[in-house]
Amino acid sequence: MLSATSKKIIILRNYFILMAMVTVMITGLGDLFDNPDRMGQKDRLNNYGRYISAGFVNQAQKVGR
């Protein structure tokens, strides 16, 4: 009986540790993506996306002719 109780306690403890770790990771990732210092980089990546899209459209037009 004692071992069954200790196994439940270990499982419960591991569950709480896992939930705490997930919470910290979610908070860290949220701060990483919403950081104002990264806004310039985000704009630059959006500009690269437009450049690549224009290249795909240009290539598709050449293939279509």
PDB file of N, CA and C in Angstrom:
ATOM      1  N   MET A   1       0.824  -1.197   0.000  1.00  0.00           N
ATOM      2  CA  MET A   1       0.000   0.000   0.000  1.00  0.00           C
ATOM      3  C   MET A   1       0.862   1.252   0.000  1.00  0.00           C
ATOM      4  N   LEU A   2       1.961   1.173   0.679  1.00  0.00           N
ATOM      5  CA  LEU A   2       2.840   2.327   0.760  1.00  0.00           C
ATOM      6  C   LEU A   2       3.429   2.665  -0.614  1.00  0.00           C
ATOM      7  N   SER A   3       3.777   1.645  -1.385  1.00  0.00           N
ATOM      8  CA  SER A   3       4.375   1.903  -2.692  1.00  0.00           C
ATOM      9  C   SER A   3       3.355   2.513  -3.661  1.00  0.00           C
ATOM     10  N   ALA A   4       2.089   2.129  -3.544  1.00  0.00           N
ATOM     11  CA  ALA A   4       1.054   2.700  -4.413  1.00  0.00           C
ATOM     12  C   ALA A   4       0.890   4.187  -4.129  1.00  0.00           C
ATOM     13  N   THR A   5       0.935   4.562  -2.877  1.00  0.00           N
ATOM     14  CA  THR A   5       0.806   5.966  -2.510  1.00  0.00           C
ATOM     15  C   THR A   5       2.002   6.761  -3.008  1.00  0.00           C
ATOM     16  N   SER A   6       3.198   6.213  -2.855  1.00  0.00           N
ATOM     17  CA  SER A   6       4.382   6.941  -3.289  1.00  0.00           C
ATOM     18  C   SER A   6       4.419   7.064  -4.812  1.00  0.00           C
ATOM     19  N   LYS A   7       3.906   6.066  -5.550  1.00  0.00           N
ATOM     20  CA  LYS A   7       3.859   6.165  -7.006  1.00  0.00           C
ATOM     21  C   LYS A   7       2.908   7.270  -7.437  1.00  0.00           C
ATOM     22  N   LYS A   8       1.781   7.404  -6.741  1.00  0.00           N
ATOM     23  CA  LYS A   8       0.840   8.475  -7.067  1.00  0.00           C
ATOM     24  C   LYS A   8       1.462   9.839  -6.798  1.00  0.00           C
ATOM     25  N   ILE A   9       2.205   9.932  -5.721  1.00  0.00           N
ATOM     26  CA  ILE A   9       2.860  11.193  -5.389  1.00  0.00           C
ATOM     27  C   ILE A   9       3.912  11.536  -6.432  1.00  0.00           C
ATOM     28  N   ILE A  10       4.673  10.542  -6.877  1.00  0.00           N
ATOM     29  CA  ILE A  10       5.698  10.778  -7.893  1.00  0.00           C
ATOM     30  C   ILE A  10       5.055  11.218  -9.199  1.00  0.00           C
ATOM     31  N   ILE A  11       3.975  10.563  -9.600  1.00  0.00           N
ATOM     32  CA  ILE A  11       3.273  10.936 -10.829  1.00  0.00           C
ATOM     33  C   ILE A  11       2.730  12.354 -10.722  1.00  0.00           C
ATOM     34  N   LEU A  12       2.137  12.691  -9.603  1.00  0.00           N
ATOM     35  CA  LEU A  12       1.600  14.029  -9.389  1.00  0.00           C
ATOM     36  C   LEU A  12       2.710  15.077  -9.412  1.00  0.00           C
ATOM     37  N   ARG A  13       3.832  14.767  -8.756  1.00  0.00           N
ATOM     38  CA  ARG A  13       4.969  15.694  -8.744  1.00  0.00           C
ATOM     39  C   ARG A  13       5.504  15.909 -10.162  1.00  0.00           C
ATOM     40  N   ASN A  14       5.651  14.841 -10.932  1.00  0.00           N
ATOM     41  CA  ASN A  14       6.138  14.966 -12.305  1.00  0.00           C
ATOM     42  C   ASN A  14       5.170  15.759 -13.171  1.00  0.00           C
ATOM     43  N   TYR A  15       3.876  15.594 -12.944  1.00  0.00           N
ATOM     44  CA  TYR A  15       2.870  16.344 -13.690  1.00  0.00           C
ATOM     45  C   TYR A  15       3.002  17.842 -13.402  1.00  0.00           C
ATOM     46  N   PHE A  16       3.170  18.194 -12.141  1.00  0.00           N
ATOM     47  CA  PHE A  16       3.318  19.607 -11.784  1.00  0.00           C
ATOM     48  C   PHE A  16       4.602  20.196 -12.360  1.00  0.00           C
ATOM     49  N   ILE A  17       5.673  19.427 -12.349  1.00  0.00           N
ATOM     50  CA  ILE A  17       6.930  19.895 -12.934  1.00  0.00           C
ATOM     51  C   ILE A  17       6.756  20.123 -14.428  1.00  0.00           C
ATOM     52  N   LEU A  18       6.092  19.205 -15.096  1.00  0.00           N
ATOM     53  CA  LEU A  18       5.852  19.336 -16.533  1.00  0.00           C
ATOM     54  C   LEU A  18       5.003  20.562 -16.838  1.00  0.00           C
ATOM     55  N   MET A  19       3.943  20.778 -16.077  1.00  0.00           N
ATOM     56  CA  MET A  19       3.084  21.939 -16.306  1.00  0.00           C
ATOM     57  C   MET A  19       3.831  23.245 -16.055  1.00  0.00           C
ATOM     58  N   ALA A  20       4.685  23.283 -15.055  1.00  0.00           N
ATOM     59  CA  ALA A  20       5.471  24.486 -14.784  1.00  0.00           C
ATOM     60  C   ALA A  20       6.447  24.752 -15.929  1.00  0.00           C
ATOM     61  N   MET A  21       7.065  23.695 -16.437  1.00  0.00           N
ATOM     62  CA  MET A  21       8.014  23.847 -17.536  1.00  0.00           C
ATOM     63  C   MET A  21       7.307  24.326 -18.807  1.00  0.00           C
ATOM     64  N   VAL A  22       6.139  23.783 -19.101  1.00  0.00           N
ATOM     65  CA  VAL A  22       5.376  24.206 -20.279  1.00  0.00           C
ATOM     66  C   VAL A  22       4.957  25.664 -20.146  1.00  0.00           C
ATOM     67  N   THR A  23       4.527  26.063 -18.966  1.00  0.00           N
ATOM     68  CA  THR A  23       4.119  27.449 -18.739  1.00  0.00           C
ATOM     69  C   THR A  23       5.281  28.415 -18.953  1.00  0.00           C
ATOM     70  N   VAL A  24       6.447  28.068 -18.445  1.00  0.00           N
ATOM     71  CA  VAL A  24       7.624  28.927 -18.614  1.00  0.00           C
ATOM     72  C   VAL A  24       8.017  29.003 -20.086  1.00  0.00           C
ATOM     73  N   MET A  25       7.951  27.883 -20.799  1.00  0.00           N
ATOM     74  CA  MET A  25       8.314  27.888 -22.218  1.00  0.00           C
ATOM     75  C   MET A  25       7.335  28.722 -23.032  1.00  0.00           C
ATOM     76  N   ILE A  26       6.039  28.617 -22.752  1.00  0.00           N
ATOM     77  CA  ILE A  26       5.039  29.402 -23.478  1.00  0.00           C
ATOM     78  C   ILE A  26       5.248  30.889 -23.232  1.00  0.00           C
ATOM     79  N   THR A  27       5.522  31.247 -22.000  1.00  0.00           N
ATOM     80  CA  THR A  27       5.759  32.652 -21.673  1.00  0.00           C
ATOM     81  C   THR A  27       7.004  33.167 -22.381  1.00  0.00           C
ATOM     82  N   GLY A  28       8.065  32.362 -22.387  1.00  0.00           N
ATOM     83  CA  GLY A  28       9.305  32.762 -23.061  1.00  0.00           C
ATOM     84  C   GLY A  28       9.118  32.924 -24.553  1.00  0.00           C
ATOM     85  N   LEU A  29       8.389  32.015 -25.185  1.00  0.00           N
ATOM     86  CA  LEU A  29       8.154  32.127 -26.620  1.00  0.00           C
ATOM     87  C   LEU A  29       7.282  33.329 -26.944  1.00  0.00           C
ATOM     88  N   GLY A  30       6.299  33.612 -26.096  1.00  0.00           N
ATOM     89  CA  GLY A  30       5.464  34.794 -26.315  1.00  0.00           C
ATOM     90  C   GLY A  30       6.267  36.069 -26.237  1.00  0.00           C
ATOM     91  N   ASP A  31       7.165  36.156 -25.271  1.00  0.00           N
ATOM     92  CA  ASP A  31       8.019  37.338 -25.156  1.00  0.00           C
ATOM     93  C   ASP A  31       8.973  37.450 -26.333  1.00  0.00           C
ATOM     94  N   LEU A  32       9.417  36.322 -26.843  1.00  0.00           N
ATOM     95  CA  LEU A  32      10.339  36.340 -27.971  1.00  0.00           C
ATOM     96  C   LEU A  32       9.682  36.917 -29.219  1.00  0.00           C
ATOM     97  N   PHE A  33       8.432  36.538 -29.479  1.00  0.00           N
ATOM     98  CA  PHE A  33       7.767  36.983 -30.693  1.00  0.00           C
ATOM     99  C   PHE A  33       7.132  38.363 -30.560  1.00  0.00           C
ATOM    100  N   ASP A  34       6.821  38.810 -29.358  1.00  0.00           N
ATOM    101  CA  ASP A  34       6.197  40.117 -29.173  1.00  0.00           C
ATOM    102  C   ASP A  34       7.190  41.178 -28.720  1.00  0.00           C
ATOM    103  N   ASN A  35       8.462  40.900 -28.837  1.00  0.00           N
ATOM    104  CA  ASN A  35       9.491  41.820 -28.390  1.00  0.00           C
ATOM    105  C   ASN A  35       9.585  43.003 -29.351  1.00  0.00           C
ATOM    106  N   PRO A  36       9.477  44.240 -28.873  1.00  0.00           N
ATOM    107  CA  PRO A  36       9.539  45.410 -29.755  1.00  0.00           C
ATOM    108  C   PRO A  36      10.883  45.554 -30.474  1.00  0.00           C
ATOM    109  N   ASP A  37      11.950  45.021 -29.907  1.00  0.00           N
ATOM    110  CA  ASP A  37      13.256  45.120 -30.546  1.00  0.00           C
ATOM    111  C   ASP A  37      13.309  44.306 -31.835  1.00  0.00           C
ATOM    112  N   ARG A  38      12.399  43.351 -32.005  1.00  0.00           N
ATOM    113  CA  ARG A  38      12.415  42.487 -33.181  1.00  0.00           C
ATOM    114  C   ARG A  38      11.491  42.991 -34.287  1.00  0.00           C
ATOM    115  N   MET A  39      10.833  44.135 -34.084  1.00  0.00           N
ATOM    116  CA  MET A  39       9.900  44.643 -35.088  1.00  0.00           C
ATOM    117  C   MET A  39      10.609  44.985 -36.390  1.00  0.00           C
ATOM    118  N   GLY A  40      11.811  45.562 -36.309  1.00  0.00           N
ATOM    119  CA  GLY A  40      12.556  45.869 -37.519  1.00  0.00           C
ATOM    120  C   GLY A  40      12.895  44.613 -38.298  1.00  0.00           C
ATOM    121  N   GLN A  41      13.253  43.574 -37.586  1.00  0.00           N
ATOM    122  CA  GLN A  41      13.554  42.312 -38.255  1.00  0.00           C
ATOM    123  C   GLN A  41      12.304  41.718 -38.894  1.00  0.00           C
ATOM    124  N   LYS A  42      11.166  41.867 -38.241  1.00  0.00           N
ATOM    125  CA  LYS A  42       9.921  41.356 -38.792  1.00  0.00           C
ATOM    126  C   LYS A  42       9.571  42.082 -40.096  1.00  0.00           C
ATOM    127  N   ASP A  43       9.751  43.394 -40.118  1.00  0.00           N
ATOM    128  CA  ASP A  43       9.493  44.152 -41.349  1.00  0.00           C
ATOM    129  C   ASP A  43      10.435  43.725 -42.467  1.00  0.00           C
ATOM    130  N   ARG A  44      11.680  43.470 -42.114  1.00  0.00           N
ATOM    131  CA  ARG A  44      12.653  43.051 -43.114  1.00  0.00           C
ATOM    132  C   ARG A  44      12.278  41.678 -43.685  1.00  0.00           C
ATOM    133  N   LEU A  45      11.831  40.772 -42.834  1.00  0.00           N
ATOM    134  CA  LEU A  45      11.399  39.459 -43.311  1.00  0.00           C
ATOM    135  C   LEU A  45      10.164  39.571 -44.202  1.00  0.00           C
ATOM    136  N   ASN A  46       9.234  40.474 -43.869  1.00  0.00           N
ATOM    137  CA  ASN A  46       8.066  40.687 -44.721  1.00  0.00           C
ATOM    138  C   ASN A  46       8.486  41.211 -46.091  1.00  0.00           C
ATOM    139  N   ASN A  47       9.484  42.083 -46.122  1.00  0.00           N
ATOM    140  CA  ASN A  47       9.967  42.599 -47.403  1.00  0.00           C
ATOM    141  C   ASN A  47      10.614  41.492 -48.225  1.00  0.00           C
ATOM    142  N   TYR A  48      11.357  40.602 -47.582  1.00  0.00           N
ATOM    143  CA  TYR A  48      11.934  39.475 -48.306  1.00  0.00           C
ATOM    144  C   TYR A  48      10.833  38.600 -48.898  1.00  0.00           C
ATOM    145  N   GLY A  49       9.749  38.423 -48.160  1.00  0.00           N
ATOM    146  CA  GLY A  49       8.630  37.628 -48.654  1.00  0.00           C
ATOM    147  C   GLY A  49       8.023  38.235 -49.907  1.00  0.00           C
ATOM    148  N   ARG A  50       7.898  39.551 -49.934  1.00  0.00           N
ATOM    149  CA  ARG A  50       7.361  40.220 -51.129  1.00  0.00           C
ATOM    150  C   ARG A  50       8.305  40.046 -52.315  1.00  0.00           C
ATOM    151  N   TYR A  51       9.598  40.145 -52.058  1.00  0.00           N
ATOM    152  CA  TYR A  51      10.595  39.987 -53.114  1.00  0.00           C
ATOM    153  C   TYR A  51      10.549  38.570 -53.697  1.00  0.00           C
ATOM    154  N   ILE A  52      10.464  37.583 -52.835  1.00  0.00           N
ATOM    155  CA  ILE A  52      10.403  36.189 -53.298  1.00  0.00           C
ATOM    156  C   ILE A  52       9.099  35.933 -54.046  1.00  0.00           C
ATOM    157  N   SER A  53       7.993  36.467 -53.561  1.00  0.00           N
ATOM    158  CA  SER A  53       6.710  36.300 -54.253  1.00  0.00           C
ATOM    159  C   SER A  53       6.757  36.921 -55.644  1.00  0.00           C
ATOM    160  N   ALA A  54       7.371  38.094 -55.764  1.00  0.00           N
ATOM    161  CA  ALA A  54       7.484  38.730 -57.071  1.00  0.00           C
ATOM    162  C   ALA A  54       8.332  37.877 -58.006  1.00  0.00           C
ATOM    163  N   GLY A  55       9.363  37.250 -57.476  1.00  0.00           N
ATOM    164  CA  GLY A  55      10.189  36.363 -58.288  1.00  0.00           C
ATOM    165  C   GLY A  55       9.411  35.158 -58.777  1.00  0.00           C
ATOM    166  N   PHE A  56       8.564  34.588 -57.923  1.00  0.00           N
ATOM    167  CA  PHE A  56       7.735  33.443 -58.332  1.00  0.00           C
ATOM    168  C   PHE A  56       6.740  33.849 -59.425  1.00  0.00           C
ATOM    169  N   VAL A  57       6.136  35.024 -59.264  1.00  0.00           N
ATOM    170  CA  VAL A  57       5.167  35.492 -60.265  1.00  0.00           C
ATOM    171  C   VAL A  57       5.876  35.717 -61.594  1.00  0.00           C
ATOM    172  N   ASN A  58       7.042  36.327 -61.560  1.00  0.00           N
ATOM    173  CA  ASN A  58       7.809  36.587 -62.778  1.00  0.00           C
ATOM    174  C   ASN A  58       8.162  35.272 -63.477  1.00  0.00           C
ATOM    175  N   GLN A  59       8.618  34.295 -62.709  1.00  0.00           N
ATOM    176  CA  GLN A  59       8.991  33.002 -63.273  1.00  0.00           C
ATOM    177  C   GLN A  59       7.766  32.293 -63.845  1.00  0.00           C
ATOM    178  N   ALA A  60       6.629  32.378 -63.174  1.00  0.00           N
ATOM    179  CA  ALA A  60       5.412  31.732 -63.667  1.00  0.00           C
ATOM    180  C   ALA A  60       4.957  32.384 -64.976  1.00  0.00           C
ATOM    181  N   GLN A  61       5.131  33.690 -65.086  1.00  0.00           N
ATOM    182  CA  GLN A  61       4.765  34.375 -66.320  1.00  0.00           C
ATOM    183  C   GLN A  61       5.673  33.944 -67.474  1.00  0.00           C
ATOM    184  N   LYS A  62       6.949  33.758 -67.183  1.00  0.00           N
ATOM    185  CA  LYS A  62       7.880  33.310 -68.220  1.00  0.00           C
ATOM    186  C   LYS A  62       7.547  31.886 -68.681  1.00  0.00           C
ATOM    187  N   VAL A  63       7.204  31.011 -67.754  1.00  0.00           N
ATOM    188  CA  VAL A  63       6.871  29.634 -68.088  1.00  0.00           C
ATOM    189  C   VAL A  63       5.552  29.583 -68.858  1.00  0.00           C
ATOM    190  N   GLY A  64       4.618  30.458 -68.525  1.00  0.00           N
ATOM    191  CA  GLY A  64       3.314  30.464 -69.182  1.00  0.00           C
ATOM    192  C   GLY A  64       3.339  30.942 -70.624  1.00  0.00           C
ATOM    193  N   ARG A  65       4.357  31.666 -71.011  1.00  0.00           N
ATOM    194  CA  ARG A  65       4.419  32.226 -72.372  1.00  0.00           C
ATOM    195  C   ARG A  65       4.881  31.209 -73.359  1.00  0.00           C
TER     196      ARG A  65
END
